[in-house]
Amino acid sequence: GATVCTPQKPKCNECPVQNQCLAYQQQKEIESILDIEQCSTNCSFCLKSSDVDTNRSLVEHYPRKKSKTKQREETSFILIIYRLTPKLEFLMIKQKQSNLLSGLWSFLEISSSKNQLDQMNEQKRKTYIIEEIQQMPTIDTIPSINNIKLAGQ
């Protein structure tokens, strides 16, 4: 089947399931239709006429490719918060169960839309970070703006 029914140049005449093939049947229907009014337009599975490339056989339009969803652009700050007591300690959080990295430990992360952060200068970014930290219930000591160092993008 895979060597006969290929996306480009399928060999419909050699296909053993030609009689059950929906794409082949649609191609035959279209070839036999003399008038556009004879064609059913309410079929959700069938290709719309705007989707059909007239330079290719209808069979070559299957399997239909899924449209790609636009990726969202997001910028994240990874906050490495530490303190010096008798030893060096880092603040880490356990990821929520709904997260891709659920159950794993990581540094704090603050996400924002890329456009929002691109328009901020360094001072505004630091203020933004402090405001976000203040909203986190697990952090009781907020670092001063002078202790925040932005390192790379």
N, C-alpha and C. Protein backbone atom coordinates (compact mmCIF):
# COMPACT_ATOMS: atom_id res chain seq x y z
N GLY A 1 0.80 -1.20 0.00
CA GLY A 1 0.00 0.00 0.00
C GLY A 1 0.84 1.26 0.00
N ALA A 2 1.88 1.32 0.83
CA ALA A 2 2.67 2.55 0.95
C ALA A 2 3.49 2.83 -0.29
N THR A 3 3.81 1.80 -1.05
CA THR A 3 4.58 2.02 -2.28
C THR A 3 3.67 2.35 -3.46
N VAL A 4 2.38 2.08 -3.30
CA VAL A 4 1.42 2.35 -4.37
C VAL A 4 0.74 3.69 -4.14
N CYS A 5 0.26 3.90 -2.92
CA CYS A 5 -0.50 5.12 -2.59
C CYS A 5 0.44 6.14 -1.96
N THR A 6 1.15 6.86 -2.79
CA THR A 6 2.11 7.86 -2.32
C THR A 6 1.52 9.25 -2.46
N PRO A 7 1.97 10.23 -1.66
CA PRO A 7 1.42 11.59 -1.75
C PRO A 7 1.60 12.22 -3.13
N GLN A 8 2.72 11.98 -3.78
CA GLN A 8 2.93 12.49 -5.13
C GLN A 8 2.91 11.32 -6.11
N LYS A 9 2.17 11.46 -7.15
CA LYS A 9 2.05 10.46 -8.22
C LYS A 9 1.64 9.07 -7.71
N PRO A 10 0.46 8.97 -7.11
CA PRO A 10 -0.02 7.65 -6.67
C PRO A 10 -0.33 6.77 -7.87
N LYS A 11 -0.21 5.47 -7.67
CA LYS A 11 -0.48 4.51 -8.75
C LYS A 11 -1.86 3.90 -8.52
N CYS A 12 -2.89 4.71 -8.74
CA CYS A 12 -4.26 4.27 -8.46
C CYS A 12 -4.65 3.04 -9.27
N ASN A 13 -4.17 2.91 -10.48
CA ASN A 13 -4.52 1.76 -11.31
C ASN A 13 -3.97 0.46 -10.75
N GLU A 14 -2.91 0.52 -9.94
CA GLU A 14 -2.32 -0.68 -9.35
C GLU A 14 -2.82 -0.94 -7.93
N CYS A 15 -3.63 -0.04 -7.40
CA CYS A 15 -4.04 -0.10 -5.99
C CYS A 15 -5.05 -1.22 -5.75
N PRO A 16 -4.80 -2.11 -4.76
CA PRO A 16 -5.73 -3.20 -4.48
C PRO A 16 -7.00 -2.74 -3.75
N VAL A 17 -6.98 -1.57 -3.13
CA VAL A 17 -8.17 -1.07 -2.42
C VAL A 17 -8.79 0.13 -3.13
N GLN A 18 -8.60 0.18 -4.41
CA GLN A 18 -9.09 1.30 -5.22
C GLN A 18 -10.59 1.52 -5.03
N ASN A 19 -11.37 0.44 -4.93
CA ASN A 19 -12.83 0.57 -4.81
C ASN A 19 -13.26 1.15 -3.47
N GLN A 20 -12.43 1.03 -2.43
CA GLN A 20 -12.75 1.57 -1.11
C GLN A 20 -12.10 2.93 -0.86
N CYS A 21 -11.31 3.41 -1.76
CA CYS A 21 -10.54 4.64 -1.56
C CYS A 21 -11.42 5.87 -1.77
N LEU A 22 -11.59 6.67 -0.72
CA LEU A 22 -12.43 7.86 -0.80
C LEU A 22 -11.84 8.89 -1.75
N ALA A 23 -10.54 9.09 -1.70
CA ALA A 23 -9.92 10.09 -2.58
C ALA A 23 -10.10 9.70 -4.05
N TYR A 24 -9.94 8.41 -4.34
CA TYR A 24 -10.11 7.95 -5.72
C TYR A 24 -11.56 8.13 -6.17
N GLN A 25 -12.49 7.80 -5.27
CA GLN A 25 -13.92 7.96 -5.60
C GLN A 25 -14.25 9.43 -5.85
N GLN A 26 -13.71 10.32 -5.01
CA GLN A 26 -13.96 11.76 -5.21
C GLN A 26 -13.38 12.22 -6.54
N GLN A 27 -12.21 11.73 -6.89
CA GLN A 27 -11.59 12.10 -8.16
C GLN A 27 -12.48 11.68 -9.32
N LYS A 28 -13.02 10.45 -9.24
CA LYS A 28 -13.90 9.96 -10.30
C LYS A 28 -15.18 10.80 -10.37
N GLU A 29 -15.74 11.18 -9.18
CA GLU A 29 -16.95 12.00 -9.16
C GLU A 29 -16.70 13.35 -9.81
N ILE A 30 -15.59 13.97 -9.46
CA ILE A 30 -15.28 15.29 -10.01
C ILE A 30 -15.10 15.21 -11.52
N GLU A 31 -14.45 14.14 -11.97
CA GLU A 31 -14.26 13.98 -13.41
C GLU A 31 -15.59 13.77 -14.13
N SER A 32 -16.58 13.15 -13.42
CA SER A 32 -17.87 12.88 -14.06
C SER A 32 -18.86 14.03 -13.92
N ILE A 33 -18.60 14.98 -13.03
CA ILE A 33 -19.53 16.10 -12.82
C ILE A 33 -19.42 17.07 -13.98
N LEU A 34 -20.55 17.36 -14.54
CA LEU A 34 -20.58 18.31 -15.65
C LEU A 34 -20.94 19.71 -15.15
N ASP A 35 -21.68 19.76 -14.02
CA ASP A 35 -22.18 21.03 -13.52
C ASP A 35 -21.82 21.16 -12.04
N ILE A 36 -21.41 22.33 -11.60
CA ILE A 36 -20.99 22.55 -10.22
C ILE A 36 -22.12 22.32 -9.22
N GLU A 37 -23.37 22.51 -9.63
CA GLU A 37 -24.51 22.32 -8.73
C GLU A 37 -24.69 20.86 -8.33
N GLN A 38 -24.13 19.93 -9.08
CA GLN A 38 -24.27 18.52 -8.76
C GLN A 38 -23.34 18.10 -7.61
N CYS A 39 -22.38 18.90 -7.30
CA CYS A 39 -21.39 18.57 -6.27
C CYS A 39 -21.92 18.94 -4.89
N SER A 40 -21.77 18.04 -3.92
CA SER A 40 -22.19 18.31 -2.54
C SER A 40 -21.17 19.24 -1.88
N THR A 41 -21.63 20.31 -1.26
CA THR A 41 -20.70 21.28 -0.66
C THR A 41 -20.67 21.23 0.86
N ASN A 42 -21.49 20.39 1.48
CA ASN A 42 -21.55 20.39 2.94
C ASN A 42 -20.74 19.26 3.57
N CYS A 43 -19.90 18.60 2.83
CA CYS A 43 -19.07 17.51 3.36
C CYS A 43 -17.87 18.10 4.10
N SER A 44 -17.74 17.78 5.39
CA SER A 44 -16.64 18.35 6.18
C SER A 44 -15.32 17.63 5.92
N PHE A 45 -15.37 16.41 5.41
CA PHE A 45 -14.14 15.66 5.15
C PHE A 45 -13.54 16.01 3.80
N CYS A 46 -14.39 16.28 2.84
CA CYS A 46 -13.91 16.53 1.48
C CYS A 46 -13.16 17.85 1.38
N LEU A 47 -12.29 17.92 0.42
CA LEU A 47 -11.54 19.15 0.19
C LEU A 47 -12.45 20.23 -0.36
N LYS A 48 -12.23 21.44 0.09
CA LYS A 48 -12.94 22.58 -0.48
C LYS A 48 -12.26 22.94 -1.80
N SER A 49 -13.02 23.52 -2.69
CA SER A 49 -12.45 23.83 -4.00
C SER A 49 -11.27 24.79 -3.89
N SER A 50 -11.26 25.64 -2.85
CA SER A 50 -10.14 26.56 -2.67
C SER A 50 -8.86 25.84 -2.23
N ASP A 51 -9.01 24.63 -1.66
CA ASP A 51 -7.85 23.86 -1.21
C ASP A 51 -7.26 22.96 -2.29
N VAL A 52 -7.96 22.84 -3.39
CA VAL A 52 -7.53 21.91 -4.44
C VAL A 52 -6.58 22.59 -5.40
N ASP A 53 -5.43 21.97 -5.59
CA ASP A 53 -4.46 22.42 -6.58
C ASP A 53 -4.82 21.74 -7.89
N THR A 54 -5.25 22.50 -8.86
CA THR A 54 -5.74 21.92 -10.12
C THR A 54 -4.63 21.29 -10.94
N ASN A 55 -3.38 21.54 -10.59
CA ASN A 55 -2.27 20.93 -11.32
C ASN A 55 -1.97 19.51 -10.84
N ARG A 56 -2.62 19.10 -9.75
CA ARG A 56 -2.38 17.78 -9.18
C ARG A 56 -3.68 16.98 -9.18
N SER A 57 -3.55 15.67 -9.19
CA SER A 57 -4.71 14.80 -9.07
C SER A 57 -5.26 14.93 -7.65
N LEU A 58 -6.56 14.76 -7.50
CA LEU A 58 -7.17 14.89 -6.17
C LEU A 58 -6.61 13.86 -5.20
N VAL A 59 -6.25 12.70 -5.70
CA VAL A 59 -5.69 11.65 -4.85
C VAL A 59 -4.40 12.13 -4.19
N GLU A 60 -3.66 13.00 -4.86
CA GLU A 60 -2.40 13.50 -4.32
C GLU A 60 -2.59 14.48 -3.16
N HIS A 61 -3.82 14.89 -2.90
CA HIS A 61 -4.09 15.81 -1.79
C HIS A 61 -4.26 15.09 -0.46
N TYR A 62 -4.27 13.78 -0.46
CA TYR A 62 -4.43 13.00 0.76
C TYR A 62 -3.13 12.28 1.06
N PRO A 63 -2.75 12.01 2.29
CA PRO A 63 -3.43 12.48 3.48
C PRO A 63 -3.26 13.99 3.64
N ARG A 64 -4.29 14.61 4.19
CA ARG A 64 -4.27 16.07 4.33
C ARG A 64 -3.32 16.46 5.45
N LYS A 65 -2.53 17.47 5.20
CA LYS A 65 -1.58 17.96 6.20
C LYS A 65 -2.32 18.85 7.19
N LYS A 66 -1.97 18.69 8.46
CA LYS A 66 -2.56 19.55 9.49
C LYS A 66 -1.90 20.91 9.42
N SER A 67 -2.70 21.93 9.64
CA SER A 67 -2.12 23.28 9.65
C SER A 67 -1.36 23.46 10.95
N LYS A 68 -0.21 24.09 10.87
CA LYS A 68 0.63 24.29 12.04
C LYS A 68 0.09 25.46 12.85
N THR A 69 0.08 25.29 14.16
CA THR A 69 -0.33 26.39 15.02
C THR A 69 0.86 27.32 15.21
N LYS A 70 0.57 28.59 15.25
CA LYS A 70 1.63 29.58 15.40
C LYS A 70 2.22 29.46 16.81
N GLN A 71 3.53 29.38 16.86
CA GLN A 71 4.19 29.28 18.15
C GLN A 71 4.17 30.63 18.85
N ARG A 72 3.91 30.57 20.14
CA ARG A 72 3.87 31.82 20.88
C ARG A 72 5.29 32.18 21.28
N GLU A 73 5.59 33.46 21.17
CA GLU A 73 6.92 33.93 21.55
C GLU A 73 6.86 34.41 22.99
N GLU A 74 7.73 33.86 23.80
CA GLU A 74 7.73 34.18 25.21
C GLU A 74 9.17 34.29 25.68
N THR A 75 9.41 35.21 26.58
CA THR A 75 10.73 35.36 27.17
C THR A 75 10.63 35.00 28.64
N SER A 76 11.61 34.29 29.12
CA SER A 76 11.61 33.87 30.53
C SER A 76 12.88 34.35 31.22
N PHE A 77 12.70 34.76 32.46
CA PHE A 77 13.83 35.04 33.33
C PHE A 77 13.99 33.83 34.23
N ILE A 78 15.15 33.27 34.28
CA ILE A 78 15.45 32.21 35.24
C ILE A 78 16.14 32.90 36.40
N LEU A 79 15.53 32.83 37.57
CA LEU A 79 16.05 33.54 38.74
C LEU A 79 16.86 32.58 39.61
N ILE A 80 18.11 32.87 39.71
CA ILE A 80 18.99 32.08 40.58
C ILE A 80 19.19 32.90 41.84
N ILE A 81 18.39 32.57 42.82
CA ILE A 81 18.42 33.32 44.09
C ILE A 81 19.21 32.49 45.09
N TYR A 82 20.20 33.13 45.70
CA TYR A 82 21.03 32.41 46.66
C TYR A 82 21.32 33.31 47.86
N ARG A 83 21.75 32.67 48.93
CA ARG A 83 22.20 33.42 50.10
C ARG A 83 23.40 32.70 50.70
N LEU A 84 24.21 33.53 51.34
CA LEU A 84 25.39 32.99 52.01
C LEU A 84 25.12 32.92 53.50
N THR A 85 24.93 31.74 53.98
CA THR A 85 24.87 31.49 55.42
C THR A 85 26.19 30.78 55.68
N PRO A 86 26.30 29.94 56.65
CA PRO A 86 27.58 29.23 56.74
C PRO A 86 27.94 28.53 55.43
N LYS A 87 26.95 28.23 54.62
CA LYS A 87 27.24 27.64 53.30
C LYS A 87 26.36 28.33 52.26
N LEU A 88 26.64 28.09 51.01
CA LEU A 88 25.89 28.68 49.91
C LEU A 88 24.59 27.90 49.70
N GLU A 89 23.44 28.60 49.76
CA GLU A 89 22.13 27.96 49.57
C GLU A 89 21.41 28.60 48.39
N PHE A 90 20.75 27.75 47.59
CA PHE A 90 19.99 28.22 46.44
C PHE A 90 18.50 27.97 46.66
N LEU A 91 17.69 28.89 46.18
CA LEU A 91 16.24 28.71 46.24
C LEU A 91 15.79 27.97 44.99
N MET A 92 15.12 26.83 45.20
CA MET A 92 14.59 26.05 44.09
C MET A 92 13.14 25.69 44.41
N ILE A 93 12.36 25.49 43.35
CA ILE A 93 10.96 25.12 43.54
C ILE A 93 10.67 23.81 42.81
N LYS A 94 9.66 23.11 43.31
CA LYS A 94 9.23 21.88 42.64
C LYS A 94 8.16 22.26 41.62
N GLN A 95 8.32 21.79 40.39
CA GLN A 95 7.39 22.14 39.31
C GLN A 95 6.00 21.56 39.59
N LYS A 96 4.97 22.28 39.15
CA LYS A 96 3.59 21.83 39.30
C LYS A 96 3.36 20.57 38.48
N GLN A 97 2.36 19.81 38.86
CA GLN A 97 2.06 18.55 38.16
C GLN A 97 1.58 18.79 36.73
N SER A 98 1.02 19.95 36.44
CA SER A 98 0.51 20.22 35.10
C SER A 98 1.61 20.68 34.14
N ASN A 99 2.78 20.92 34.67
CA ASN A 99 3.89 21.43 33.87
C ASN A 99 4.56 20.30 33.09
N LEU A 100 5.24 20.67 32.01
CA LEU A 100 5.99 19.70 31.21
C LEU A 100 7.04 18.99 32.06
N LEU A 101 7.66 19.71 32.97
CA LEU A 101 8.70 19.16 33.83
C LEU A 101 8.14 18.83 35.22
N SER A 102 6.90 18.34 35.28
CA SER A 102 6.21 18.15 36.54
C SER A 102 7.00 17.28 37.51
N GLY A 103 7.03 17.76 38.75
CA GLY A 103 7.70 17.03 39.81
C GLY A 103 9.20 17.28 39.92
N LEU A 104 9.80 17.92 38.93
CA LEU A 104 11.24 18.18 38.97
C LEU A 104 11.52 19.50 39.69
N TRP A 105 12.71 19.62 40.24
CA TRP A 105 13.12 20.83 40.92
C TRP A 105 13.85 21.75 39.94
N SER A 106 13.58 23.05 40.05
CA SER A 106 14.24 24.00 39.16
C SER A 106 14.34 25.36 39.84
N PHE A 107 15.10 26.24 39.23
CA PHE A 107 15.16 27.61 39.70
C PHE A 107 13.85 28.30 39.35
N LEU A 108 13.58 29.41 40.01
CA LEU A 108 12.36 30.16 39.71
C LEU A 108 12.40 30.67 38.28
N GLU A 109 11.23 30.76 37.69
CA GLU A 109 11.13 31.24 36.32
C GLU A 109 9.98 32.24 36.23
N ILE A 110 10.27 33.37 35.62
CA ILE A 110 9.25 34.38 35.37
C ILE A 110 9.13 34.54 33.87
N SER A 111 7.93 34.33 33.35
CA SER A 111 7.71 34.42 31.91
C SER A 111 6.90 35.65 31.57
N SER A 112 7.15 36.15 30.39
CA SER A 112 6.42 37.32 29.91
C SER A 112 6.43 37.28 28.39
N SER A 113 5.52 38.04 27.78
CA SER A 113 5.53 38.07 26.32
C SER A 113 6.81 38.74 25.86
N LYS A 114 7.32 38.28 24.74
CA LYS A 114 8.60 38.79 24.22
C LYS A 114 8.54 40.29 23.99
N ASN A 115 7.45 40.77 23.42
CA ASN A 115 7.33 42.20 23.11
C ASN A 115 7.38 43.06 24.36
N GLN A 116 6.74 42.59 25.43
CA GLN A 116 6.70 43.36 26.67
C GLN A 116 8.12 43.56 27.22
N LEU A 117 8.92 42.51 27.24
CA LEU A 117 10.27 42.61 27.81
C LEU A 117 11.24 43.33 26.88
N ASP A 118 11.04 43.20 25.58
CA ASP A 118 11.93 43.88 24.63
C ASP A 118 11.86 45.39 24.78
N GLN A 119 10.72 45.89 25.22
CA GLN A 119 10.53 47.33 25.33
C GLN A 119 11.03 47.89 26.66
N MET A 120 11.50 47.04 27.55
CA MET A 120 11.97 47.50 28.86
C MET A 120 13.48 47.69 28.86
N ASN A 121 13.91 48.74 29.56
CA ASN A 121 15.35 48.88 29.79
C ASN A 121 15.72 48.02 31.00
N GLU A 122 17.00 47.98 31.35
CA GLU A 122 17.46 47.09 32.42
C GLU A 122 16.80 47.41 33.76
N GLN A 123 16.66 48.68 34.08
CA GLN A 123 16.06 49.08 35.36
C GLN A 123 14.61 48.61 35.44
N LYS A 124 13.86 48.78 34.35
CA LYS A 124 12.46 48.34 34.35
C LYS A 124 12.35 46.82 34.45
N ARG A 125 13.28 46.11 33.83
CA ARG A 125 13.26 44.65 33.92
C ARG A 125 13.50 44.21 35.37
N LYS A 126 14.43 44.87 36.05
CA LYS A 126 14.70 44.53 37.45
C LYS A 126 13.47 44.81 38.31
N THR A 127 12.82 45.94 38.07
CA THR A 127 11.60 46.27 38.81
C THR A 127 10.52 45.23 38.54
N TYR A 128 10.39 44.82 37.29
CA TYR A 128 9.42 43.79 36.90
C TYR A 128 9.70 42.49 37.65
N ILE A 129 10.97 42.11 37.74
CA ILE A 129 11.34 40.88 38.45
C ILE A 129 10.96 40.98 39.92
N ILE A 130 11.26 42.11 40.56
CA ILE A 130 10.94 42.28 41.98
C ILE A 130 9.43 42.21 42.20
N GLU A 131 8.66 42.84 41.33
CA GLU A 131 7.20 42.79 41.45
C GLU A 131 6.68 41.36 41.33
N GLU A 132 7.26 40.59 40.43
CA GLU A 132 6.85 39.20 40.26
C GLU A 132 7.24 38.37 41.49
N ILE A 133 8.42 38.61 42.04
CA ILE A 133 8.86 37.87 43.23
C ILE A 133 7.95 38.18 44.41
N GLN A 134 7.51 39.43 44.53
CA GLN A 134 6.64 39.82 45.64
C GLN A 134 5.31 39.07 45.61
N GLN A 135 4.89 38.64 44.44
CA GLN A 135 3.62 37.92 44.32
C GLN A 135 3.75 36.43 44.64
N MET A 136 4.98 35.96 44.81
CA MET A 136 5.20 34.53 45.09
C MET A 136 5.08 34.30 46.59
N PRO A 137 4.16 33.41 46.99
CA PRO A 137 3.94 33.19 48.42
C PRO A 137 5.09 32.49 49.13
N THR A 138 5.97 31.82 48.40
CA THR A 138 7.04 31.05 49.04
C THR A 138 8.27 31.87 49.39
N ILE A 139 8.33 33.11 48.92
CA ILE A 139 9.52 33.93 49.15
C ILE A 139 9.18 35.01 50.18
N ASP A 140 9.91 34.99 51.30
CA ASP A 140 9.63 35.98 52.34
C ASP A 140 10.61 37.14 52.33
N THR A 141 11.79 36.97 51.74
CA THR A 141 12.77 38.04 51.67
C THR A 141 12.94 38.44 50.21
N ILE A 142 12.64 39.70 49.92
CA ILE A 142 12.73 40.20 48.56
C ILE A 142 14.11 40.83 48.37
N PRO A 143 14.82 40.45 47.31
CA PRO A 143 16.13 41.07 47.08
C PRO A 143 15.99 42.53 46.69
N SER A 144 16.98 43.32 47.04
CA SER A 144 16.94 44.73 46.63
C SER A 144 17.31 44.82 45.16
N ILE A 145 16.88 45.90 44.54
CA ILE A 145 17.13 46.07 43.10
C ILE A 145 18.62 46.12 42.79
N ASN A 146 19.43 46.57 43.75
CA ASN A 146 20.88 46.65 43.55
C ASN A 146 21.55 45.28 43.54
N ASN A 147 20.88 44.29 44.14
CA ASN A 147 21.46 42.94 44.19
C ASN A 147 21.07 42.07 42.99
N ILE A 148 20.24 42.60 42.11
CA ILE A 148 19.82 41.83 40.93
C ILE A 148 20.80 42.09 39.80
N LYS A 149 21.31 41.02 39.24
CA LYS A 149 22.21 41.13 38.09
C LYS A 149 21.59 40.37 36.93
N LEU A 150 21.40 41.05 35.82
CA LEU A 150 20.88 40.40 34.62
C LEU A 150 22.06 39.86 33.83
N ALA A 151 21.98 38.58 33.49
CA ALA A 151 23.10 37.96 32.79
C ALA A 151 22.62 37.31 31.50
N GLY A 152 22.83 37.96 30.39
CA GLY A 152 22.56 37.36 29.09
C GLY A 152 21.10 37.20 28.76
N GLN A 153 20.87 36.77 27.53
CA GLN A 153 19.49 36.58 27.07
C GLN A 153 19.36 35.22 26.48
